[in-house]
Amino acid sequence: MLDDKRRVRVVTVATLVWLSALMSSTQSHAQGSSVSPSAVSFFAGDRTFAGEALLVDRMASNHYSVFGVQRTGPGAVEHHAVDTDIVLVLDGSATFVTGGKITDEKERAPNERTGSGIAGGDAWVLTKGDIIVVPNGLPHWFKQVNGRIRYCAVKIRQAAATPSYPAGVKFFKGVEAFAKNGLVFGASEGRFASIYALRRTQPLGVESHGVDTDVVFVLDGKGTFVTGGTIREPRQLRDNEGTGTSIDGGTPQPLDPGSVLVVPRGVPHWLREITGSLDFFAVKVR
């Protein structure tokens, strides 16, 4: 048995080691890009789709980028040699084709190909709340849009063109995804990514991740997410994961449908308040 003084000393040292690791992780990460990867990015619902589709570009430093896309007609055929696409639908509907053979295929950029259409393939009808994950190396195409569709896309760059990650398309209907109220898909190979569909009526606890970045995309409801600041009574939950009782200071981010929030690793965050109910996606990238 440890006496009280030694117990306090051990707990304090463990906490300091964890906090020091988080600080070192954030600082070393920030050196990888001229646009600091340690900076929080927030877009309210009315801003997500108001300008350019590309919201956050951290491909060079962290192997991911985030888009807010609004379509009223078909898109271009796409084939990414090294990028995996995660599509999270806010509203509207469209027919989305994956696989098959690109017609009139041509190169449009390094590791990127396009064409006039896709012959064959699988057709998916995307509607509100749906999730589809397209592995690198697989052609895909918004073939038909029924009026309008709005969605968030998270693009993750794999280390090489082969093999493809995941091994095949992953598709989840919104109703089924939010019925899980938790993890929907977790990558076991390739660049790490986990997708959660969460329906909350109560706040979440304080979080701080040593290696994971959180991309939050709100489907329905309103709430307040606090980022930054200082964690009160910090403690380690497990490796690279910390929590506490609350956050002092920080920046409150008002969430509404369509909001996008990107919280880099090492930044404390807290879903502090919810008005009624809040449905949101959380994509963890590493």
Protein backbone atom coordinates (compact mmCIF):
# COMPACT_ATOMS: atom_id res chain seq x y z
CA MET A 1 0.00 0.00 0.00
CA LEU A 2 1.17 3.53 -0.77
CA ASP A 3 0.92 6.15 1.92
CA ASP A 4 -1.20 9.23 1.12
CA LYS A 5 1.75 11.45 0.24
CA ARG A 6 3.26 8.91 -2.17
CA ARG A 7 -0.16 8.28 -3.73
CA VAL A 8 -0.71 11.97 -4.38
CA ARG A 9 2.81 12.25 -5.80
CA VAL A 10 2.30 9.30 -8.19
CA VAL A 11 -1.07 10.62 -9.43
CA THR A 12 0.37 14.11 -9.89
CA VAL A 13 3.39 12.84 -11.84
CA ALA A 14 1.18 10.67 -14.07
CA THR A 15 -1.08 13.62 -14.81
CA LEU A 16 1.89 15.85 -15.58
CA VAL A 17 3.38 13.25 -17.92
CA TRP A 18 0.06 12.97 -19.78
CA LEU A 19 -0.34 16.75 -20.05
CA SER A 20 3.27 17.15 -21.19
CA ALA A 21 2.75 14.53 -23.90
CA LEU A 22 -0.34 16.33 -25.14
CA MET A 23 1.49 19.64 -25.31
CA SER A 24 4.47 18.10 -27.12
CA SER A 25 2.15 16.33 -29.54
CA THR A 26 0.30 19.53 -30.39
CA GLN A 27 3.48 21.56 -30.80
CA SER A 28 5.22 19.04 -33.07
CA HIS A 29 2.07 18.64 -35.13
CA ALA A 30 1.76 22.37 -35.67
CA GLN A 31 5.19 22.54 -37.29
CA GLY A 32 4.09 20.41 -40.26
CA SER A 33 2.09 23.08 -42.11
CA SER A 34 2.06 26.82 -42.69
CA VAL A 35 -1.63 26.71 -41.69
CA SER A 36 -1.38 25.47 -38.13
CA PRO A 37 -2.89 21.99 -37.75
CA SER A 38 -3.43 22.83 -34.07
CA ALA A 39 -6.02 25.52 -34.90
CA VAL A 40 -9.72 24.80 -34.40
CA SER A 41 -11.91 25.40 -37.48
CA PHE A 42 -15.62 26.21 -37.11
CA PHE A 43 -18.30 26.88 -39.71
CA ALA A 44 -21.87 27.70 -38.68
CA GLY A 45 -24.58 26.03 -40.73
CA ASP A 46 -25.22 29.08 -42.92
CA ARG A 47 -21.48 29.36 -43.73
CA THR A 48 -20.69 25.72 -44.49
CA PHE A 49 -22.29 25.85 -47.95
CA ALA A 50 -22.03 29.58 -48.66
CA GLY A 51 -18.61 29.70 -50.31
CA GLU A 52 -15.95 27.37 -51.65
CA ALA A 53 -16.56 23.69 -51.02
CA LEU A 54 -13.11 23.16 -49.45
CA LEU A 55 -13.38 24.13 -45.78
CA VAL A 56 -10.20 22.72 -44.22
CA ASP A 57 -7.12 21.49 -46.09
CA ARG A 58 -4.56 19.64 -43.98
CA MET A 59 -3.47 17.08 -46.55
CA ALA A 60 0.19 18.11 -46.38
CA SER A 61 0.46 17.91 -42.61
CA ASN A 62 -2.27 15.52 -41.46
CA HIS A 63 -3.50 13.58 -44.53
CA TYR A 64 -7.09 14.89 -44.49
CA SER A 65 -9.33 17.63 -45.84
CA VAL A 66 -12.95 18.61 -45.15
CA PHE A 67 -15.56 19.87 -47.62
CA GLY A 68 -19.07 21.30 -47.41
CA VAL A 69 -20.76 20.56 -50.74
CA GLN A 70 -24.07 21.65 -52.23
CA ARG A 71 -25.16 20.14 -55.53
CA THR A 72 -28.16 20.89 -57.72
CA GLY A 73 -27.04 18.71 -60.64
CA PRO A 74 -24.75 15.80 -61.49
CA GLY A 75 -21.12 15.98 -60.47
CA ALA A 76 -17.98 15.03 -62.33
CA VAL A 77 -16.87 11.41 -62.40
CA GLU A 78 -14.11 10.96 -59.82
CA HIS A 79 -11.35 8.43 -59.30
CA HIS A 80 -8.79 9.06 -56.55
CA ALA A 81 -5.74 6.81 -56.57
CA VAL A 82 -4.81 7.51 -52.94
CA ASP A 83 -7.78 9.30 -51.32
CA THR A 84 -10.64 7.65 -49.42
CA ASP A 85 -13.91 9.67 -49.40
CA ILE A 86 -16.37 9.75 -46.50
CA VAL A 87 -19.71 11.37 -47.44
CA LEU A 88 -22.21 12.44 -44.72
CA VAL A 89 -25.56 13.66 -46.06
CA LEU A 90 -27.26 16.67 -44.43
CA ASP A 91 -30.37 16.87 -46.62
CA GLY A 92 -31.75 16.27 -50.11
CA SER A 93 -31.32 13.16 -52.22
CA ALA A 94 -29.22 11.88 -55.10
CA THR A 95 -28.21 8.75 -56.98
CA PHE A 96 -24.56 7.97 -56.33
CA VAL A 97 -22.70 5.38 -58.43
CA THR A 98 -19.61 3.50 -57.25
CA GLY A 99 -17.43 1.06 -59.16
CA GLY A 100 -17.95 0.17 -62.81
CA LYS A 101 -15.86 1.46 -65.70
CA ILE A 102 -15.23 5.13 -66.48
CA THR A 103 -16.25 6.08 -70.01
CA ASP A 104 -13.98 8.46 -71.96
CA GLU A 105 -11.50 8.17 -69.11
CA LYS A 106 -8.74 10.76 -68.80
CA GLU A 107 -6.32 12.17 -66.25
CA ARG A 108 -7.27 15.48 -64.68
CA ALA A 109 -4.49 15.80 -62.08
CA PRO A 110 -1.80 13.61 -60.48
CA ASN A 111 -3.53 10.59 -58.93
CA GLU A 112 -6.90 11.87 -60.20
CA ARG A 113 -8.95 10.62 -63.16
CA THR A 114 -12.36 11.53 -64.61
CA GLY A 115 -14.59 10.84 -67.61
CA SER A 116 -18.00 11.42 -69.14
CA GLY A 117 -19.82 8.76 -67.12
CA ILE A 118 -19.64 5.31 -65.54
CA ALA A 119 -20.76 2.10 -67.19
CA GLY A 120 -22.09 -0.45 -64.72
CA GLY A 121 -21.26 -0.06 -61.08
CA ASP A 122 -23.57 0.04 -58.07
CA ALA A 123 -26.21 2.76 -57.65
CA TRP A 124 -26.94 4.07 -54.14
CA VAL A 125 -29.80 6.41 -53.29
CA LEU A 126 -28.46 8.91 -50.75
CA THR A 127 -30.84 10.76 -48.42
CA LYS A 128 -30.66 12.68 -45.14
CA GLY A 129 -28.37 11.12 -42.54
CA ASP A 130 -26.83 8.54 -44.87
CA ILE A 131 -23.13 7.67 -44.76
CA ILE A 132 -21.09 6.25 -47.62
CA VAL A 133 -17.37 5.47 -47.56
CA VAL A 134 -15.64 5.12 -50.94
CA PRO A 135 -12.20 3.46 -50.92
CA ASN A 136 -9.31 4.91 -52.86
CA GLY A 137 -9.03 3.52 -56.39
CA LEU A 138 -12.79 3.15 -56.93
CA PRO A 139 -14.66 5.32 -59.49
CA HIS A 140 -17.66 7.23 -58.15
CA TRP A 141 -20.17 9.75 -59.44
CA PHE A 142 -23.13 11.84 -58.34
CA LYS A 143 -25.13 10.71 -61.37
CA GLN A 144 -28.45 12.37 -60.56
CA VAL A 145 -29.53 14.95 -57.98
CA ASN A 146 -33.18 15.27 -57.05
CA GLY A 147 -33.47 19.03 -56.62
CA ARG A 148 -30.60 19.60 -54.21
CA ILE A 149 -28.29 17.66 -51.95
CA ARG A 150 -25.96 19.02 -49.26
CA TYR A 151 -23.29 16.98 -47.59
CA CYS A 152 -20.00 17.04 -45.72
CA ALA A 153 -17.10 15.10 -47.21
CA VAL A 154 -13.97 14.06 -45.34
CA LYS A 155 -11.12 13.01 -47.62
CA ILE A 156 -8.34 10.86 -46.14
CA ARG A 157 -5.09 10.29 -48.03
CA GLN A 158 -3.75 6.76 -47.86
CA ALA A 159 -0.03 6.01 -47.81
CA ALA A 160 -0.10 4.39 -51.28
CA ALA A 161 -2.44 3.61 -54.19
CA THR A 162 -2.64 -0.06 -53.29
CA PRO A 163 -4.25 -1.68 -51.51
CA SER A 164 -7.57 0.17 -51.29
CA TYR A 165 -8.95 1.15 -47.88
CA PRO A 166 -11.48 0.06 -46.88
CA ALA A 167 -11.63 -3.09 -49.01
CA GLY A 168 -15.07 -2.15 -50.39
CA VAL A 169 -17.77 0.53 -50.24
CA LYS A 170 -19.40 0.97 -46.83
CA PHE A 171 -22.96 2.31 -46.85
CA PHE A 172 -25.18 3.07 -43.86
CA LYS A 173 -28.73 4.41 -43.94
CA GLY A 174 -29.25 7.36 -41.63
CA VAL A 175 -32.05 5.73 -39.63
CA GLU A 176 -29.92 2.68 -38.94
CA ALA A 177 -26.78 4.70 -38.22
CA PHE A 178 -28.43 6.92 -35.60
CA ALA A 179 -30.21 3.96 -34.06
CA LYS A 180 -26.73 2.72 -33.10
CA ASN A 181 -26.06 6.03 -31.31
CA GLY A 182 -22.35 5.34 -31.39
CA LEU A 183 -19.68 3.80 -33.58
CA VAL A 184 -20.91 3.05 -37.11
CA PHE A 185 -17.64 2.22 -38.83
CA GLY A 186 -14.06 1.81 -37.62
CA ALA A 187 -11.20 1.31 -40.05
CA SER A 188 -8.93 -1.57 -39.10
CA GLU A 189 -6.41 -0.94 -41.89
CA GLY A 190 -4.96 2.04 -43.73
CA ARG A 191 -5.09 5.55 -42.33
CA PHE A 192 -7.16 5.45 -39.18
CA ALA A 193 -10.74 6.73 -39.33
CA SER A 194 -13.79 6.03 -37.19
CA ILE A 195 -17.29 7.29 -37.90
CA TYR A 196 -19.87 7.88 -35.19
CA ALA A 197 -23.56 8.82 -35.52
CA LEU A 198 -24.68 10.29 -32.21
CA ARG A 199 -28.09 11.35 -30.91
CA ARG A 200 -27.75 13.23 -27.65
CA THR A 201 -30.18 14.85 -25.25
CA GLN A 202 -27.55 15.36 -22.54
CA PRO A 203 -24.07 16.93 -22.76
CA LEU A 204 -20.98 14.83 -23.28
CA GLY A 205 -18.00 14.80 -20.95
CA VAL A 206 -14.83 16.82 -21.45
CA GLU A 207 -12.45 15.25 -23.97
CA SER A 208 -8.85 15.66 -25.05
CA HIS A 209 -7.23 13.30 -27.58
CA GLY A 210 -3.49 12.88 -27.83
CA VAL A 211 -3.51 11.54 -31.41
CA ASP A 212 -7.00 11.90 -32.90
CA THR A 213 -8.61 14.86 -34.68
CA ASP A 214 -12.42 15.14 -34.40
CA VAL A 215 -14.50 16.33 -37.35
CA VAL A 216 -18.04 17.12 -36.13
CA PHE A 217 -20.93 17.65 -38.56
CA VAL A 218 -24.40 18.52 -37.22
CA LEU A 219 -27.45 16.92 -38.79
CA ASP A 220 -30.25 18.23 -36.54
CA GLY A 221 -30.69 20.28 -33.38
CA LYS A 222 -28.71 22.93 -31.55
CA GLY A 223 -26.09 23.00 -28.84
CA THR A 224 -22.86 24.59 -27.62
CA PHE A 225 -19.44 23.03 -28.07
CA VAL A 226 -16.53 24.55 -26.13
CA THR A 227 -13.01 24.26 -27.58
CA GLY A 228 -9.70 25.21 -26.00
CA GLY A 229 -9.34 26.58 -22.50
CA THR A 230 -8.09 24.68 -19.47
CA ILE A 231 -9.49 21.38 -18.23
CA ARG A 232 -10.55 21.37 -14.59
CA GLU A 233 -9.37 18.38 -12.55
CA PRO A 234 -7.71 16.68 -15.54
CA ARG A 235 -7.23 12.95 -15.47
CA GLN A 236 -6.16 10.29 -17.90
CA LEU A 237 -8.83 7.84 -19.10
CA ARG A 238 -6.46 5.61 -21.10
CA ASP A 239 -3.53 6.04 -23.46
CA ASN A 240 -3.78 9.36 -25.34
CA GLU A 241 -7.23 10.10 -23.90
CA GLY A 242 -7.99 12.59 -21.14
CA THR A 243 -11.00 14.14 -19.45
CA GLY A 244 -11.99 16.38 -16.54
CA THR A 245 -14.96 17.92 -14.80
CA SER A 246 -15.34 21.00 -17.03
CA ILE A 247 -13.37 23.58 -19.04
CA ASP A 248 -12.35 27.03 -17.84
CA GLY A 249 -12.28 29.62 -20.60
CA GLY A 250 -12.23 28.28 -24.12
CA THR A 251 -14.37 29.34 -27.08
CA PRO A 252 -18.07 28.46 -27.20
CA GLN A 253 -19.11 27.30 -30.69
CA PRO A 254 -22.91 27.51 -31.35
CA LEU A 255 -23.98 24.38 -33.22
CA ASP A 256 -26.88 24.24 -35.66
CA PRO A 257 -27.79 21.99 -38.63
CA GLY A 258 -24.95 21.99 -41.15
CA SER A 259 -22.29 23.21 -38.70
CA VAL A 260 -18.80 21.81 -39.15
CA LEU A 261 -16.27 21.79 -36.32
CA VAL A 262 -12.72 20.45 -36.67
CA VAL A 263 -10.92 19.91 -33.37
CA PRO A 264 -7.24 18.95 -33.78
CA ARG A 265 -5.50 16.56 -31.44
CA GLY A 266 -4.46 17.98 -28.10
CA VAL A 267 -7.26 20.61 -27.99
CA PRO A 268 -9.69 20.22 -25.05
CA HIS A 269 -13.34 20.16 -26.11
CA TRP A 270 -16.71 19.68 -24.51
CA LEU A 271 -20.28 19.38 -25.75
CA ARG A 272 -21.50 21.59 -22.92
CA GLU A 273 -25.15 22.29 -23.77
CA ILE A 274 -27.90 20.78 -25.91
CA THR A 275 -31.24 22.37 -26.76
CA GLY A 276 -33.68 19.47 -26.79
CA SER A 277 -31.90 16.89 -28.95
CA LEU A 278 -28.78 16.96 -31.10
CA ASP A 279 -27.96 14.57 -33.97
CA PHE A 280 -24.41 14.76 -35.28
CA PHE A 281 -21.65 12.82 -36.99
CA ALA A 282 -18.16 12.60 -35.56
CA VAL A 283 -15.30 11.39 -37.74
CA LYS A 284 -12.04 10.66 -35.96
CA VAL A 285 -8.92 10.84 -38.13
CA ARG A 286 -5.37 10.05 -37.08
